[in-house]
Amino acid sequence: MEGAESPADDVLDCGVAGVMLWLLGWHWEFLPSVLAKLVPGVDLVPFWTLAVANVYRKAKRKAIEAEKNREMPRD
């Protein structure tokens, strides 16, 4: 339980969470990541990485759909 003993690790986690929220905006995918960091042992799974990958995937899909809609001729 190294994370429970290290307040510097908790400060780093909060700082990284703040930067990601600033860069990517609020997404519901981040909530489980925040909660998982509070439970010792659960943070072995890279929840932040999975959440950011999911947000990126959704944003990319939305951009592609917007591009397709923009290119479609209006009748």
C-alpha atoms as a PDB file:
ATOM      1  CA  MET A   1       0.000   0.000   0.000  1.00  0.00           C
ATOM      2  CA  GLU A   2       2.663   2.399  -1.071  1.00  0.00           C
ATOM      3  CA  GLY A   3       0.193   5.020  -2.353  1.00  0.00           C
ATOM      4  CA  ALA A   4      -1.494   5.351   1.041  1.00  0.00           C
ATOM      5  CA  GLU A   5       1.848   6.156   2.633  1.00  0.00           C
ATOM      6  CA  SER A   6       2.922   8.688   0.030  1.00  0.00           C
ATOM      7  CA  PRO A   7       1.096  12.026   0.066  1.00  0.00           C
ATOM      8  CA  ALA A   8       3.368  13.215  -2.756  1.00  0.00           C
ATOM      9  CA  ASP A   9       1.915  10.468  -4.971  1.00  0.00           C
ATOM     10  CA  ASP A  10      -1.610  11.659  -4.150  1.00  0.00           C
ATOM     11  CA  VAL A  11      -0.678  15.259  -4.978  1.00  0.00           C
ATOM     12  CA  LEU A  12       0.815  14.109  -8.282  1.00  0.00           C
ATOM     13  CA  ASP A  13      -2.362  12.149  -9.110  1.00  0.00           C
ATOM     14  CA  CYS A  14      -4.534  15.187  -8.376  1.00  0.00           C
ATOM     15  CA  GLY A  15      -2.290  17.403 -10.482  1.00  0.00           C
ATOM     16  CA  VAL A  16      -2.393  15.016 -13.442  1.00  0.00           C
ATOM     17  CA  ALA A  17      -6.173  14.759 -13.126  1.00  0.00           C
ATOM     18  CA  GLY A  18      -6.451  18.552 -13.166  1.00  0.00           C
ATOM     19  CA  VAL A  19      -4.247  18.876 -16.236  1.00  0.00           C
ATOM     20  CA  MET A  20      -6.216  16.224 -18.121  1.00  0.00           C
ATOM     21  CA  LEU A  21      -9.504  17.891 -17.234  1.00  0.00           C
ATOM     22  CA  TRP A  22      -8.081  21.198 -18.443  1.00  0.00           C
ATOM     23  CA  LEU A  23      -6.817  19.691 -21.712  1.00  0.00           C
ATOM     24  CA  LEU A  24      -9.717  17.355 -22.508  1.00  0.00           C
ATOM     25  CA  GLY A  25     -12.634  18.886 -20.620  1.00  0.00           C
ATOM     26  CA  TRP A  26     -15.022  17.035 -18.335  1.00  0.00           C
ATOM     27  CA  HIS A  27     -16.137  13.592 -19.473  1.00  0.00           C
ATOM     28  CA  TRP A  28     -18.012  10.982 -17.463  1.00  0.00           C
ATOM     29  CA  GLU A  29     -15.312   8.459 -18.272  1.00  0.00           C
ATOM     30  CA  PHE A  30     -13.019  10.254 -15.830  1.00  0.00           C
ATOM     31  CA  LEU A  31     -15.260   9.699 -12.792  1.00  0.00           C
ATOM     32  CA  PRO A  32     -14.477   5.972 -12.381  1.00  0.00           C
ATOM     33  CA  SER A  33     -10.788   6.808 -12.777  1.00  0.00           C
ATOM     34  CA  VAL A  34     -10.942   9.309  -9.935  1.00  0.00           C
ATOM     35  CA  LEU A  35     -12.851   6.889  -7.709  1.00  0.00           C
ATOM     36  CA  ALA A  36     -10.445   4.029  -8.523  1.00  0.00           C
ATOM     37  CA  LYS A  37      -7.500   6.138  -7.357  1.00  0.00           C
ATOM     38  CA  LEU A  38      -9.131   6.442  -3.937  1.00  0.00           C
ATOM     39  CA  VAL A  39      -9.305   2.661  -3.385  1.00  0.00           C
ATOM     40  CA  PRO A  40      -5.968   1.038  -2.535  1.00  0.00           C
ATOM     41  CA  GLY A  41      -5.021  -1.781  -4.885  1.00  0.00           C
ATOM     42  CA  VAL A  42      -7.538  -0.867  -7.581  1.00  0.00           C
ATOM     43  CA  ASP A  43      -5.148   1.649  -9.093  1.00  0.00           C
ATOM     44  CA  LEU A  44      -3.083  -1.206 -10.524  1.00  0.00           C
ATOM     45  CA  VAL A  45      -5.285  -1.013 -13.625  1.00  0.00           C
ATOM     46  CA  PRO A  46      -4.448   2.016 -15.822  1.00  0.00           C
ATOM     47  CA  PHE A  47      -7.883   3.640 -15.549  1.00  0.00           C
ATOM     48  CA  TRP A  48      -6.613   7.097 -16.539  1.00  0.00           C
ATOM     49  CA  THR A  49      -5.087   5.725 -19.717  1.00  0.00           C
ATOM     50  CA  LEU A  50      -8.266   3.844 -20.589  1.00  0.00           C
ATOM     51  CA  ALA A  51     -10.424   6.901 -19.913  1.00  0.00           C
ATOM     52  CA  VAL A  52      -8.257   9.201 -22.045  1.00  0.00           C
ATOM     53  CA  ALA A  53      -8.155   6.634 -24.872  1.00  0.00           C
ATOM     54  CA  ASN A  54     -11.948   6.352 -24.770  1.00  0.00           C
ATOM     55  CA  VAL A  55     -12.432  10.142 -24.833  1.00  0.00           C
ATOM     56  CA  TYR A  56      -9.968  10.441 -27.726  1.00  0.00           C
ATOM     57  CA  ARG A  57     -11.724   7.666 -29.648  1.00  0.00           C
ATOM     58  CA  LYS A  58     -15.121   9.343 -29.225  1.00  0.00           C
ATOM     59  CA  ALA A  59     -13.774  12.758 -30.221  1.00  0.00           C
ATOM     60  CA  LYS A  60     -12.124  11.313 -33.318  1.00  0.00           C
ATOM     61  CA  ARG A  61     -15.340   9.544 -34.324  1.00  0.00           C
ATOM     62  CA  LYS A  62     -17.319  12.744 -33.832  1.00  0.00           C
ATOM     63  CA  ALA A  63     -14.842  14.699 -35.980  1.00  0.00           C
ATOM     64  CA  ILE A  64     -15.053  12.120 -38.770  1.00  0.00           C
ATOM     65  CA  GLU A  65     -18.854  12.220 -38.713  1.00  0.00           C
ATOM     66  CA  ALA A  66     -18.827  16.018 -38.810  1.00  0.00           C
ATOM     67  CA  GLU A  67     -16.463  15.940 -41.790  1.00  0.00           C
ATOM     68  CA  LYS A  68     -18.708  13.473 -43.618  1.00  0.00           C
ATOM     69  CA  ASN A  69     -21.774  15.616 -42.934  1.00  0.00           C
ATOM     70  CA  ARG A  70     -19.970  18.705 -44.187  1.00  0.00           C
ATOM     71  CA  GLU A  71     -18.920  16.995 -47.416  1.00  0.00           C
ATOM     72  CA  MET A  72     -22.383  15.629 -48.231  1.00  0.00           C
ATOM     73  CA  PRO A  73     -24.122  17.687 -50.931  1.00  0.00           C
ATOM     74  CA  ARG A  74     -27.351  19.312 -49.866  1.00  0.00           C
ATOM     75  CA  ASP A  75     -30.254  18.603 -52.188  1.00  0.00           C
END
